[in-house]
Protein backbone atom coordinates (compact mmCIF):
# COMPACT_ATOMS: atom_id res chain seq x y z
CA MET A 1 -26.84 201.86 116.96
CA GLN A 2 -27.17 202.88 120.63
CA THR A 3 -26.84 206.37 122.00
CA VAL A 4 -25.39 206.81 125.54
CA GLN A 5 -24.73 210.07 127.46
CA ASP A 6 -23.00 208.87 130.73
CA ALA A 7 -19.54 207.44 131.22
CA ALA A 8 -20.72 204.20 133.00
CA ALA A 9 -22.96 203.10 130.17
CA LEU A 10 -20.18 203.74 127.70
CA ARG A 11 -17.59 201.88 129.73
CA ALA A 12 -19.95 198.86 130.10
CA MET A 13 -20.30 198.57 126.43
CA VAL A 14 -16.60 198.92 125.69
CA ARG A 15 -15.77 196.42 128.36
CA GLY A 16 -17.96 193.82 126.75
CA TRP A 17 -16.38 194.36 123.39
CA ARG A 18 -12.95 194.08 124.88
CA GLN A 19 -13.82 190.80 126.61
CA ALA A 20 -15.06 189.49 123.25
CA GLY A 21 -11.56 190.31 121.85
CA GLN A 22 -12.84 193.08 119.56
CA THR A 23 -11.03 196.16 118.36
CA ILE A 24 -12.47 199.60 118.80
CA GLY A 25 -12.33 202.57 116.39
CA PHE A 26 -13.21 206.07 117.50
CA VAL A 27 -14.17 209.33 115.61
CA PRO A 28 -14.67 212.34 117.86
CA THR A 29 -16.80 215.19 116.35
CA LEU A 30 -18.68 218.37 117.20
CA GLY A 31 -21.68 217.07 115.41
CA ASN A 32 -23.49 218.53 112.41
CA LEU A 33 -22.08 215.62 110.54
CA HIS A 34 -21.48 215.77 106.74
CA ALA A 35 -19.79 213.57 104.19
CA GLY A 36 -16.30 214.47 105.44
CA HIS A 37 -17.12 213.11 108.87
CA HIS A 38 -18.71 210.01 107.30
CA SER A 39 -15.56 209.31 105.44
CA LEU A 40 -13.60 209.14 108.69
CA LEU A 41 -16.23 206.81 110.21
CA LYS A 42 -15.98 204.53 107.15
CA LEU A 43 -12.28 204.42 107.58
CA ALA A 44 -12.68 203.39 111.20
CA ARG A 45 -15.38 200.91 110.18
CA ALA A 46 -12.91 199.18 107.83
CA ARG A 47 -10.11 198.99 110.32
CA THR A 48 -11.89 197.81 113.56
CA ASP A 49 -14.56 195.57 114.83
CA ARG A 50 -16.60 198.18 116.73
CA VAL A 51 -16.86 201.95 115.94
CA VAL A 52 -17.74 204.71 118.46
CA ALA A 53 -18.56 208.16 117.38
CA SER A 54 -18.86 211.12 119.81
CA ILE A 55 -20.79 214.28 119.45
CA PHE A 56 -19.79 217.02 121.97
CA VAL A 57 -19.66 220.73 121.24
CA ASN A 58 -16.65 221.40 123.45
CA PRO A 59 -16.73 224.82 125.12
CA THR A 60 -13.03 225.02 125.92
CA GLN A 61 -11.99 225.08 122.24
CA PHE A 62 -14.13 228.15 121.40
CA GLY A 63 -12.68 231.63 122.24
CA PRO A 64 -14.53 234.76 123.24
CA GLY A 65 -16.59 236.04 120.19
CA GLU A 66 -16.49 232.60 118.47
CA ASP A 67 -19.44 230.65 117.37
CA PHE A 68 -19.99 228.27 120.24
CA GLU A 69 -23.62 229.37 120.82
CA ARG A 70 -24.60 229.35 117.11
CA TYR A 71 -22.58 226.18 116.18
CA PRO A 72 -25.14 224.00 114.42
CA ARG A 73 -26.51 221.14 116.60
CA THR A 74 -28.38 218.59 114.66
CA MET A 75 -28.55 215.56 116.79
CA ALA A 76 -31.51 213.74 115.20
CA GLN A 77 -30.03 214.13 111.68
CA ASP A 78 -26.60 213.03 112.97
CA GLN A 79 -28.04 209.91 114.65
CA SER A 80 -29.80 208.94 111.45
CA GLY A 81 -26.66 209.28 109.36
CA LEU A 82 -24.60 207.35 111.88
CA ALA A 83 -27.14 204.53 111.97
CA GLU A 84 -26.91 204.33 108.16
CA LEU A 85 -23.25 203.87 108.42
CA ASP A 86 -23.61 200.91 110.81
CA ILE A 87 -21.88 202.80 113.62
CA ASP A 88 -22.19 200.72 116.88
CA LEU A 89 -22.34 203.53 119.53
CA LEU A 90 -22.85 207.25 119.72
CA PHE A 91 -21.40 208.88 122.80
CA ALA A 92 -23.18 212.18 123.34
CA PRO A 93 -22.13 213.46 126.77
CA GLU A 94 -23.32 216.35 128.73
CA VAL A 95 -20.79 219.09 129.66
CA SER A 96 -20.88 217.86 133.28
CA THR A 97 -19.60 214.41 132.11
CA ILE A 98 -16.61 215.83 130.35
CA TYR A 99 -15.91 218.59 132.93
CA PRO A 100 -17.21 217.45 136.30
CA PHE A 101 -15.76 220.41 138.05
CA GLY A 102 -16.82 222.85 135.24
CA ALA A 103 -14.97 223.74 132.17
CA GLU A 104 -13.26 226.76 133.74
CA ASN A 105 -11.83 224.48 136.57
CA SER A 106 -10.70 221.60 134.30
CA VAL A 107 -7.18 220.11 134.17
CA SER A 108 -5.83 221.48 130.89
CA ILE A 109 -3.33 219.86 128.48
CA HIS A 110 -0.98 222.15 126.53
CA VAL A 111 1.07 220.88 123.64
CA PRO A 112 4.08 223.27 123.39
CA GLY A 113 5.17 224.81 120.20
CA LEU A 114 2.43 223.39 117.91
CA SER A 115 -0.23 225.03 119.91
CA GLU A 116 1.13 228.58 119.56
CA THR A 117 1.61 229.00 115.85
CA LEU A 118 -0.87 229.68 113.02
CA GLU A 119 -4.30 228.69 114.36
CA GLY A 120 -3.00 228.87 117.92
CA ALA A 121 -1.72 232.44 117.34
CA HIS A 122 -5.11 233.52 116.03
CA ARG A 123 -7.16 231.53 118.51
CA PRO A 124 -5.24 231.52 121.81
CA GLY A 125 -6.10 228.51 123.93
CA HIS A 126 -7.97 226.70 121.17
CA PHE A 127 -5.59 223.72 121.07
CA ASP A 128 -5.49 223.49 124.83
CA GLY A 129 -9.20 222.87 124.65
CA VAL A 130 -8.82 220.38 121.79
CA ALA A 131 -6.03 218.41 123.39
CA THR A 132 -7.86 218.39 126.79
CA VAL A 133 -11.09 217.14 125.39
CA VAL A 134 -9.54 214.55 123.06
CA ASN A 135 -7.47 213.15 126.02
CA LYS A 136 -10.66 213.00 128.13
CA LEU A 137 -12.53 211.23 125.38
CA PHE A 138 -9.58 208.82 124.88
CA ALA A 139 -9.76 207.97 128.49
CA LEU A 140 -13.52 207.25 128.36
CA VAL A 141 -13.71 205.43 125.07
CA GLN A 142 -10.22 203.63 125.17
CA PRO A 143 -10.11 203.09 121.44
CA ASP A 144 -7.49 201.18 119.56
CA ILE A 145 -7.64 203.56 116.54
CA ALA A 146 -8.87 207.10 116.37
CA VAL A 147 -9.45 208.84 113.09
CA PHE A 148 -9.06 212.68 112.40
CA GLY A 149 -9.43 214.56 109.21
CA GLN A 150 -6.50 216.20 107.37
CA LYS A 151 -8.45 219.35 106.71
CA ASP A 152 -7.68 220.27 110.36
CA PHE A 153 -3.98 219.70 109.81
CA GLN A 154 -2.76 221.57 112.71
CA GLN A 155 -5.27 219.81 115.03
CA LEU A 156 -4.14 216.46 113.71
CA LYS A 157 -0.45 217.36 114.46
CA VAL A 158 -1.32 218.50 117.98
CA ILE A 159 -3.11 215.22 118.67
CA GLU A 160 -0.28 213.13 117.21
CA ARG A 161 2.17 214.91 119.39
CA MET A 162 0.01 214.59 122.50
CA VAL A 163 -0.50 210.85 121.99
CA ARG A 164 3.17 210.30 121.48
CA ASP A 165 4.31 212.48 124.45
CA LEU A 166 1.81 210.95 126.86
CA ALA A 167 2.42 207.34 125.60
CA LEU A 168 -1.41 206.85 125.03
CA PRO A 169 -2.17 203.47 123.60
CA VAL A 170 -4.17 204.84 120.61
CA LYS A 171 -3.18 204.76 116.95
CA VAL A 172 -4.06 208.06 115.28
CA MET A 173 -5.09 207.74 111.71
CA ALA A 174 -5.61 210.57 109.30
CA GLY A 175 -8.52 210.70 106.84
CA PRO A 176 -8.11 212.72 103.55
CA THR A 177 -9.88 216.01 103.00
CA LEU A 178 -13.25 215.68 101.18
CA ARG A 179 -14.21 218.53 98.83
CA ASP A 180 -17.11 219.69 96.83
CA GLY A 181 -16.84 219.51 93.10
CA ASP A 182 -15.58 223.11 92.89
CA GLY A 183 -12.75 222.34 95.40
CA LEU A 184 -14.16 223.83 98.58
CA ALA A 185 -13.16 221.59 101.55
CA LEU A 186 -16.19 220.23 103.32
CA SER A 187 -16.96 221.94 106.69
CA SER A 188 -19.80 222.55 108.95
CA ARG A 189 -19.08 226.17 108.77
CA ASN A 190 -19.67 226.37 105.03
CA GLN A 191 -23.40 226.67 105.75
CA TYR A 192 -22.69 230.13 107.18
CA LEU A 193 -21.71 231.44 103.78
CA THR A 194 -24.14 233.53 101.78
CA PRO A 195 -24.81 232.36 98.16
CA ALA A 196 -22.55 235.00 96.79
CA GLU A 197 -19.75 234.08 99.30
CA ARG A 198 -20.23 230.36 98.55
CA THR A 199 -19.45 231.23 94.90
CA ARG A 200 -16.17 232.86 95.80
CA ALA A 201 -15.19 230.37 98.59
CA PRO A 202 -13.47 227.83 96.27
CA GLN A 203 -10.71 230.64 95.73
CA LEU A 204 -9.13 229.40 99.02
CA ALA A 205 -8.50 225.93 97.61
CA ALA A 206 -7.52 227.48 94.25
CA ALA A 207 -4.84 229.69 95.97
CA LEU A 208 -3.37 226.58 97.65
CA LYS A 209 -3.30 224.71 94.34
CA GLN A 210 -1.40 227.73 92.84
CA MET A 211 1.06 227.78 95.66
CA LYS A 212 1.79 224.04 94.95
CA ALA A 213 2.28 224.75 91.27
CA LEU A 214 4.57 227.66 91.92
CA PHE A 215 6.57 225.70 94.44
CA GLY A 216 7.06 222.88 92.01
CA GLN A 217 8.37 225.56 89.57
CA GLY A 218 11.02 226.49 92.00
CA HIS A 219 9.74 229.89 93.11
CA ALA A 220 10.78 231.26 96.45
CA ARG A 221 8.63 230.58 99.48
CA LEU A 222 7.95 234.09 100.53
CA ALA A 223 7.09 235.20 97.00
CA ILE A 224 4.66 232.35 96.83
CA GLU A 225 3.04 233.23 100.06
CA GLN A 226 2.68 236.93 99.15
CA ALA A 227 1.15 236.06 95.79
CA ALA A 228 -1.38 233.76 97.41
CA ALA A 229 -2.36 236.38 100.04
CA ALA A 230 -2.88 238.96 97.35
CA ARG A 231 -4.96 236.50 95.30
CA LEU A 232 -7.21 235.87 98.36
CA GLN A 233 -7.65 239.63 98.92
CA ARG A 234 -8.69 240.21 95.41
CA ALA A 235 -11.25 237.52 95.76
CA GLY A 236 -12.76 239.33 98.86
CA PHE A 237 -11.11 237.33 101.65
CA VAL A 238 -9.34 238.75 104.69
CA PRO A 239 -6.41 236.26 105.24
CA ASP A 240 -5.20 235.44 108.63
CA TYR A 241 -2.34 233.40 107.07
CA ILE A 242 -1.50 231.57 103.93
CA VAL A 243 1.94 230.12 104.40
CA ILE A 244 4.25 227.11 103.69
CA ARG A 245 5.38 225.10 106.68
CA ARG A 246 7.08 221.83 107.60
CA GLU A 247 4.50 219.04 107.96
CA GLU A 248 6.23 217.58 110.93
CA ASP A 249 6.32 220.69 113.31
CA LEU A 250 4.74 223.51 111.35
CA ALA A 251 7.99 225.43 111.63
CA GLU A 252 9.12 227.69 108.80
CA PRO A 253 11.28 225.63 106.43
CA ALA A 254 14.78 226.64 105.30
CA ASP A 255 15.10 228.08 101.85
CA ASP A 256 16.54 224.91 100.47
CA GLU A 257 13.87 222.54 102.03
CA ARG A 258 11.77 221.03 99.20
CA THR A 259 10.13 217.97 100.77
CA GLY A 260 7.80 217.33 103.81
CA LEU A 261 6.13 220.67 103.33
CA VAL A 262 2.49 221.79 103.44
CA ALA A 263 0.68 225.03 102.55
CA LEU A 264 -1.85 226.14 105.15
CA ALA A 265 -4.45 228.80 104.98
CA ALA A 266 -7.02 230.56 107.11
CA ALA A 267 -9.13 233.42 105.85
CA ARG A 268 -12.41 235.16 106.54
CA LEU A 269 -15.12 235.51 103.82
CA GLY A 270 -17.71 237.74 105.23
CA ALA A 271 -18.50 236.57 108.66
CA THR A 272 -17.23 233.03 108.13
CA ARG A 273 -13.66 231.87 108.72
CA LEU A 274 -12.40 229.11 106.50
CA ILE A 275 -9.34 226.89 106.88
CA ASP A 276 -7.64 224.56 104.39
CA ASN A 277 -4.29 223.01 103.57
CA LEU A 278 -2.54 221.20 100.74
CA PRO A 279 0.68 219.04 100.90
CA LEU A 280 3.29 220.19 98.52
CA ASP A 281 4.95 217.02 97.84
């Protein structure tokens, strides 16, 4: 595996693969890679001839007071894991490569509707930063397929909408959420949890499973959401939201809608903010 930082070196390698008639898969990441990331890379590896991973802690998707400075940066460990997975190329750009005029002066992409609700309401501007950096990375890597995890469900929907609206020649694929044995969705932020918090953390996934069960039994949506929020509070969480939404556009479903829905949650446990989701079909 090779690691490059500048756009010219990246484009030279991609150009060579294209001239050889090879397809290119891409998995963009913030780094601090774990088994969840590895599953996305394996999916790309199975679908394409060449696989590019990127590691870039993107400043524009972190809001004031969020964990940009303390986000774990583990480049050597990540490179070792990528090499073991037979990844062809790691793109690890500097901020100046992605934002040549500075992050504060960058052209910004906004996906209306999907960017304002749920995570967008609690993290204003977050999805503008995500959409902008992903679009820039797509322009640099020029992949045939890009793989994103379903754990970040709203992010996945924002990117799917952006790709369709801008007619980008990229197929977006979703990789399933990987979980520890106790149900907790894998996340780089799990390492922020204290041992006591880590013991309670699976209650987030358990609350979503209970929502799915109650929904299947025909209970009303609002009652399900209220019960789930109360469960999280009893477990020591401070919920931002735990709701049922349409998968397609994350809008509130009508009372008689029973298909194409997903339960989504974000909650703080101590100093750590966790997110998760579970389709209800």
